[in-house]
Amino acid sequence: MADSTHMRFTFLYEMGERSRMLHGFEMTVYLSIVTIAGSLIVGVAGAWLLGTRLFGVRNVVAGYVQFFRNTPPLVQLYFFFFALSPLMSWHGPGGFVQPIFGNVFWAALSLSLFAGAFNVEIFRSGIEAIPHTTLEAAESLGFSRFQTFTQIVFPLAFRVGLPALTNNVVNLVKTTSLAYAIAVPEMLYSASQIWSDDLNVPEMMVFILVAYVALVAIVVWAMESLERRLQVPGFGAAASAPQKAAP
């Protein structure tokens, strides 16, 4: 193929490079799933804690949000890997220092906390959009604060925040490529190894671009499908949709 077309898509027909590229794609998908789940957990917990009566806890959450929103994700990734990782190490055989956690762990943690800060604000805005009368009705029915949050407030807030949440999830999937900077063997890192061996940078960049477009398209389709299934009358798109006049 290289001789006839002058295009070196070696990862398509060489077993070793195809395996390397598939492993990189699988790592990108794995990082995306883990960081999306982690950022959602952080977002829900942060939004819950922002509603507490404890002033100190609210300040800690607000400080966390400001820190991760106002610093570049690559700097955060380097901070976790090069500053915190050496502090969590042990002396292995021969006296060599061994890190407790590897680069994949630090990439997943850093990106989850980065996206989680935005999710906190997304869920907070969704909570604030819920009418106060809804909370009063839950209180009159004897719901505890936890029951009100889990059974009434958060389900509605999640629906209201879905469009913004979709944008954050899409950005997070694309941001996983930053893990390349600490040698996580994701798709961009695997591609760089291949083009270093075969000098086929344009071909590999075309493949990476197409792969990310396809991956993000799947995520967007899934989120939009979820948004349609969770439509609630009076909230979100259902609230702004024009009402048809009665015949």
Protein backbone atom coordinates (compact mmCIF):
# COMPACT_ATOMS: atom_id res chain seq x y z
CA MET A 1 0.00 0.00 0.00
CA ALA A 2 2.80 2.42 0.86
CA ASP A 3 4.48 1.85 -2.52
CA SER A 4 1.33 2.20 -4.61
CA THR A 5 -0.40 5.07 -2.81
CA HIS A 6 2.49 6.76 -0.96
CA MET A 7 0.22 6.68 2.11
CA ARG A 8 1.59 4.82 5.11
CA PHE A 9 -1.44 3.57 7.02
CA THR A 10 0.73 0.91 8.58
CA PHE A 11 -1.59 0.45 11.56
CA LEU A 12 -4.17 -1.00 9.18
CA TYR A 13 -2.08 -3.87 7.86
CA GLU A 14 0.81 -4.42 10.32
CA MET A 15 -0.32 -6.53 13.26
CA GLY A 16 1.97 -4.98 15.85
CA GLU A 17 1.03 -1.39 15.05
CA ARG A 18 -2.64 -2.26 14.67
CA SER A 19 -2.56 -3.78 18.15
CA ARG A 20 -0.81 -0.69 19.50
CA MET A 21 -3.40 1.63 17.93
CA LEU A 22 -6.33 -0.45 19.18
CA HIS A 23 -4.86 -0.41 22.68
CA GLY A 24 -4.56 3.37 22.49
CA PHE A 25 -8.18 3.71 21.38
CA GLU A 26 -9.32 1.40 24.18
CA MET A 27 -7.36 3.49 26.71
CA THR A 28 -9.02 6.66 25.42
CA VAL A 29 -12.46 5.06 25.81
CA TYR A 30 -11.52 3.76 29.28
CA LEU A 31 -10.27 7.19 30.41
CA SER A 32 -13.43 8.81 29.04
CA ILE A 33 -15.73 6.43 30.93
CA VAL A 34 -13.80 6.66 34.19
CA THR A 35 -13.47 10.44 34.15
CA ILE A 36 -17.12 10.99 33.17
CA ALA A 37 -18.25 8.78 36.06
CA GLY A 38 -15.79 10.41 38.46
CA SER A 39 -16.76 13.94 37.45
CA LEU A 40 -20.46 13.15 37.91
CA ILE A 41 -19.81 11.82 41.42
CA VAL A 42 -17.78 14.91 42.28
CA GLY A 43 -20.44 17.19 40.79
CA VAL A 44 -23.31 15.61 42.71
CA ALA A 45 -21.37 15.59 46.00
CA GLY A 46 -20.25 19.19 45.53
CA ALA A 47 -23.74 20.42 44.70
CA TRP A 48 -25.08 18.63 47.79
CA LEU A 49 -22.41 20.14 50.04
CA LEU A 50 -23.05 23.64 48.71
CA GLY A 51 -26.51 23.39 50.26
CA THR A 52 -25.23 22.53 53.73
CA ARG A 53 -25.59 24.92 56.63
CA LEU A 54 -21.90 24.51 57.50
CA PHE A 55 -20.16 27.68 56.35
CA GLY A 56 -16.70 26.11 56.30
CA VAL A 57 -17.77 23.20 54.12
CA ARG A 58 -19.39 25.54 51.61
CA ASN A 59 -16.18 27.59 51.45
CA VAL A 60 -14.06 24.50 50.84
CA VAL A 61 -16.30 23.40 47.95
CA ALA A 62 -16.36 26.93 46.51
CA GLY A 63 -12.56 27.10 46.75
CA TYR A 64 -12.21 23.76 45.00
CA VAL A 65 -14.47 24.94 42.17
CA GLN A 66 -12.54 28.19 41.72
CA PHE A 67 -9.16 26.43 41.80
CA PHE A 68 -10.00 23.87 39.12
CA ARG A 69 -11.97 26.25 36.93
CA ASN A 70 -9.27 28.93 36.92
CA THR A 71 -6.18 26.83 36.19
CA PRO A 72 -5.35 25.01 32.93
CA PRO A 73 -6.06 21.25 32.97
CA LEU A 74 -2.56 20.48 31.68
CA VAL A 75 -1.01 22.38 34.60
CA GLN A 76 -3.27 20.46 36.99
CA LEU A 77 -2.20 17.18 35.38
CA TYR A 78 1.48 18.06 35.77
CA PHE A 79 0.87 19.15 39.36
CA PHE A 80 -0.69 15.83 40.30
CA PHE A 81 1.87 13.71 38.48
CA PHE A 82 5.10 15.61 39.19
CA ALA A 83 4.29 17.24 42.55
CA LEU A 84 1.92 14.90 44.38
CA SER A 85 2.98 11.55 42.96
CA PRO A 86 6.57 11.72 44.37
CA LEU A 87 5.09 12.36 47.83
CA MET A 88 3.18 9.08 47.59
CA SER A 89 5.97 6.60 46.94
CA TRP A 90 7.83 3.81 48.63
CA HIS A 91 11.31 2.33 48.47
CA GLY A 92 11.20 -0.88 46.51
CA PRO A 93 13.83 -3.60 46.03
CA GLY A 94 17.31 -2.19 45.63
CA GLY A 95 16.33 1.10 47.24
CA PHE A 96 14.61 2.45 44.14
CA VAL A 97 11.69 4.79 44.75
CA GLN A 98 8.44 3.35 43.41
CA PRO A 99 5.28 5.45 43.03
CA ILE A 100 2.17 4.04 44.69
CA PHE A 101 -0.08 5.17 41.84
CA GLY A 102 0.71 5.12 38.14
CA ASN A 103 0.20 7.71 35.43
CA VAL A 104 -3.22 6.36 34.42
CA PHE A 105 -4.52 6.89 37.96
CA TRP A 106 -3.26 10.47 38.14
CA ALA A 107 -4.67 11.29 34.70
CA ALA A 108 -8.10 9.91 35.67
CA LEU A 109 -8.08 11.72 39.03
CA SER A 110 -6.92 15.04 37.64
CA LEU A 111 -9.40 15.09 34.75
CA SER A 112 -12.26 13.93 36.99
CA LEU A 113 -11.63 16.76 39.44
CA PHE A 114 -11.26 19.27 36.60
CA ALA A 115 -14.57 18.36 34.96
CA GLY A 116 -16.20 17.80 38.36
CA ALA A 117 -15.72 21.48 39.23
CA PHE A 118 -17.82 22.46 36.23
CA ASN A 119 -20.40 19.80 37.09
CA VAL A 120 -20.80 21.28 40.56
CA GLU A 121 -21.83 24.58 38.99
CA ILE A 122 -24.07 22.85 36.44
CA PHE A 123 -25.95 20.97 39.13
CA ARG A 124 -26.05 24.03 41.39
CA SER A 125 -27.71 26.08 38.67
CA GLY A 126 -30.17 23.25 38.05
CA ILE A 127 -31.04 23.12 41.74
CA GLU A 128 -31.61 26.86 41.85
CA ALA A 129 -33.98 26.58 38.87
CA ILE A 130 -36.38 24.38 40.85
CA PRO A 131 -39.37 26.37 42.18
CA HIS A 132 -39.25 26.97 45.92
CA THR A 133 -42.83 25.72 46.16
CA THR A 134 -41.58 22.25 45.16
CA LEU A 135 -39.24 22.22 48.15
CA GLU A 136 -42.02 23.44 50.43
CA ALA A 137 -44.27 20.64 49.22
CA ALA A 138 -41.58 18.06 49.98
CA GLU A 139 -41.05 19.54 53.44
CA SER A 140 -44.80 19.47 54.15
CA LEU A 141 -44.85 15.78 53.24
CA GLY A 142 -42.22 15.06 55.88
CA PHE A 143 -39.25 14.49 53.55
CA SER A 144 -35.82 14.85 55.13
CA ARG A 145 -33.22 17.04 53.42
CA PHE A 146 -31.49 13.97 52.03
CA GLN A 147 -34.74 12.48 50.73
CA THR A 148 -35.73 15.79 49.17
CA PHE A 149 -32.37 16.05 47.41
CA THR A 150 -32.20 12.46 46.14
CA GLN A 151 -35.86 11.93 45.22
CA ILE A 152 -37.00 15.36 44.08
CA VAL A 153 -34.33 18.04 43.77
CA PHE A 154 -31.51 16.21 42.02
CA PRO A 155 -33.64 14.34 39.43
CA LEU A 156 -35.16 17.67 38.34
CA ALA A 157 -31.83 19.51 38.52
CA PHE A 158 -30.18 16.79 36.44
CA ARG A 159 -32.81 17.22 33.75
CA VAL A 160 -32.47 21.01 33.73
CA GLY A 161 -28.67 20.80 33.52
CA LEU A 162 -28.48 18.13 30.82
CA PRO A 163 -27.65 20.48 27.89
CA ALA A 164 -24.78 22.08 29.84
CA LEU A 165 -23.73 18.68 31.15
CA THR A 166 -23.55 17.36 27.58
CA ASN A 167 -21.12 20.15 26.65
CA ASN A 168 -18.94 19.38 29.66
CA VAL A 169 -18.91 15.64 28.92
CA VAL A 170 -17.92 16.27 25.30
CA ASN A 171 -15.11 18.60 26.38
CA LEU A 172 -13.94 16.00 28.89
CA VAL A 173 -13.71 13.28 26.24
CA LYS A 174 -11.54 15.58 24.12
CA THR A 175 -9.45 16.64 27.12
CA THR A 176 -8.41 13.03 27.76
CA SER A 177 -5.82 13.58 25.00
CA LEU A 178 -3.84 15.63 27.55
CA ALA A 179 -2.92 12.35 29.25
CA TYR A 180 -0.36 12.06 26.43
CA ALA A 181 1.76 14.56 28.37
CA ILE A 182 2.45 12.05 31.18
CA ALA A 183 2.92 9.06 28.86
CA VAL A 184 -0.50 7.47 29.34
CA PRO A 185 -0.79 5.09 26.36
CA GLU A 186 -3.99 6.62 24.99
CA MET A 187 -4.74 7.19 21.32
CA LEU A 188 -2.52 10.23 20.70
CA TYR A 189 0.42 8.65 22.53
CA SER A 190 0.10 5.42 20.53
CA ALA A 191 -0.13 7.39 17.29
CA SER A 192 3.02 9.34 18.16
CA GLN A 193 4.91 6.08 18.67
CA ILE A 194 3.76 4.81 15.28
CA TRP A 195 4.64 7.97 13.38
CA SER A 196 8.03 8.06 15.09
CA ASP A 197 8.76 4.64 13.58
CA ASP A 198 7.16 5.09 10.15
CA LEU A 199 7.27 8.87 9.53
CA ASN A 200 3.55 8.93 8.69
CA VAL A 201 2.42 11.94 10.70
CA PRO A 202 -0.27 13.18 8.24
CA GLU A 203 -1.87 9.75 7.97
CA MET A 204 -1.95 9.24 11.73
CA MET A 205 -3.36 12.72 12.36
CA VAL A 206 -6.16 12.05 9.86
CA PHE A 207 -7.02 8.84 11.69
CA ILE A 208 -6.93 10.52 15.13
CA LEU A 209 -9.19 13.32 13.91
CA VAL A 210 -11.72 10.87 12.47
CA ALA A 211 -11.56 8.68 15.59
CA TYR A 212 -12.27 11.60 17.94
CA VAL A 213 -15.11 12.86 15.74
CA ALA A 214 -16.69 9.39 15.82
CA LEU A 215 -16.18 8.99 19.57
CA VAL A 216 -17.64 12.41 20.37
CA ALA A 217 -20.55 11.81 17.98
CA ILE A 218 -21.46 8.66 19.93
CA VAL A 219 -21.31 10.56 23.22
CA VAL A 220 -23.49 13.38 21.87
CA TRP A 221 -26.01 10.90 20.47
CA ALA A 222 -26.20 9.10 23.83
CA MET A 223 -26.62 12.34 25.81
CA GLU A 224 -29.27 13.72 23.46
CA SER A 225 -31.15 10.41 23.60
CA LEU A 226 -31.04 10.59 27.39
CA GLU A 227 -32.29 14.18 27.28
CA ARG A 228 -35.29 13.20 25.15
CA ARG A 229 -36.15 10.28 27.43
CA LEU A 230 -35.97 12.41 30.57
CA GLN A 231 -38.11 15.30 29.39
CA VAL A 232 -40.30 16.60 32.20
CA PRO A 233 -43.27 18.89 31.51
CA GLY A 234 -42.47 22.37 32.79
CA PHE A 235 -38.68 21.85 32.82
CA GLY A 236 -36.00 22.34 30.20
CA ALA A 237 -36.91 22.06 26.54
CA ALA A 238 -40.41 20.88 27.37
CA ALA A 239 -41.04 24.16 29.19
CA SER A 240 -39.96 26.35 26.26
CA ALA A 241 -41.68 24.32 23.52
CA PRO A 242 -44.56 26.24 21.86
CA GLN A 243 -47.98 25.06 22.88
CA LYS A 244 -50.38 24.16 20.09
CA ALA A 245 -53.67 25.98 20.11
CA ALA A 246 -56.71 23.86 20.83
CA PRO A 247 -58.90 23.31 17.77
